[in-house]
Protein backbone atom coordinates (compact mmCIF):
# COMPACT_ATOMS: atom_id res chain seq x y z
CA UNK A 1 -12.29 -6.64 -7.00
CA UNK A 2 -10.17 -6.33 -3.90
CA UNK A 3 -11.59 -6.82 -0.43
CA UNK A 4 -9.98 -5.55 2.74
CA UNK A 5 -10.27 -6.00 6.47
CA UNK A 6 -12.38 -3.10 7.82
CA UNK A 7 -9.35 -1.59 9.60
CA UNK A 8 -7.12 -1.43 6.53
CA UNK A 9 -8.33 2.01 5.45
CA UNK A 10 -7.63 3.44 8.90
CA UNK A 11 -4.17 1.86 9.00
CA UNK A 12 -3.25 3.15 5.55
CA UNK A 13 -4.49 6.63 6.38
CA UNK A 14 -2.51 6.67 9.63
CA UNK A 15 0.62 5.54 7.78
CA UNK A 16 0.14 8.15 5.05
CA UNK A 17 -0.34 10.87 7.67
CA UNK A 18 2.83 9.73 9.44
CA UNK A 19 4.78 10.09 6.18
CA UNK A 20 3.10 13.46 5.53
CA UNK A 21 4.40 14.69 8.87
CA UNK A 22 7.94 13.75 7.86
CA UNK A 23 7.63 15.18 4.37
CA UNK A 24 4.63 15.90 2.13
CA UNK A 25 6.54 14.28 -0.74
CA UNK A 26 6.89 11.06 1.25
CA UNK A 27 3.14 11.01 1.93
CA UNK A 28 2.38 11.51 -1.75
CA UNK A 29 4.90 8.83 -2.69
CA UNK A 30 3.47 6.42 -0.13
CA UNK A 31 -0.06 6.87 -1.45
CA UNK A 32 1.14 6.42 -5.04
CA UNK A 33 3.05 3.25 -4.10
CA UNK A 34 -0.02 1.82 -2.37
CA UNK A 35 -2.20 2.60 -5.40
CA UNK A 36 0.36 1.02 -7.71
CA UNK A 37 0.66 -2.12 -5.57
CA UNK A 38 -3.13 -2.51 -5.34
CA UNK A 39 -3.39 -2.13 -9.12
CA UNK A 40 -0.76 -4.86 -9.54
CA UNK A 41 -2.65 -7.18 -7.20
CA UNK A 42 -5.87 -6.63 -9.14
CA UNK A 43 -4.16 -7.27 -12.48
CA UNK A 44 -2.06 -10.28 -11.41
CA UNK A 45 -3.32 -11.74 -8.12
CA UNK A 46 -1.49 -15.00 -8.79
CA UNK A 47 1.83 -13.11 -8.54
CA UNK A 48 1.35 -12.55 -4.82
CA UNK A 49 1.66 -15.06 -2.03
CA UNK A 50 -1.34 -16.59 -0.31
CA UNK A 51 -1.42 -17.03 3.47
CA UNK A 52 -5.14 -17.49 4.03
CA UNK A 53 -5.22 -14.25 2.04
CA UNK A 54 -3.06 -12.54 -0.55
CA UNK A 55 -0.18 -10.43 0.74
CA UNK A 56 1.97 -7.84 -0.99
CA UNK A 57 4.90 -6.11 0.65
CA UNK A 58 5.66 -2.48 0.05
CA UNK A 59 9.30 -1.51 0.41
CA UNK A 60 10.20 2.04 1.38
CA UNK A 61 12.21 2.22 -1.84
CA UNK A 62 8.87 2.03 -3.68
CA UNK A 63 8.08 5.58 -2.59
CA UNK A 64 11.18 7.06 -0.96
CA UNK A 65 13.52 9.04 -3.19
């Protein structure tokens, strides 16, 4: 089970909306990349660095075509 800072949902939604404003496809891709990365963290948490918490970077190439 993943736990998040209370502001994470707001930040992700703001980022997704920003990409939506550029291109709906980018917004969809961003959301899919986030879902994929969160799934990966749940399946293999040891694969991600720990800095008082686990961190996973999301590159624009993960969702930008």
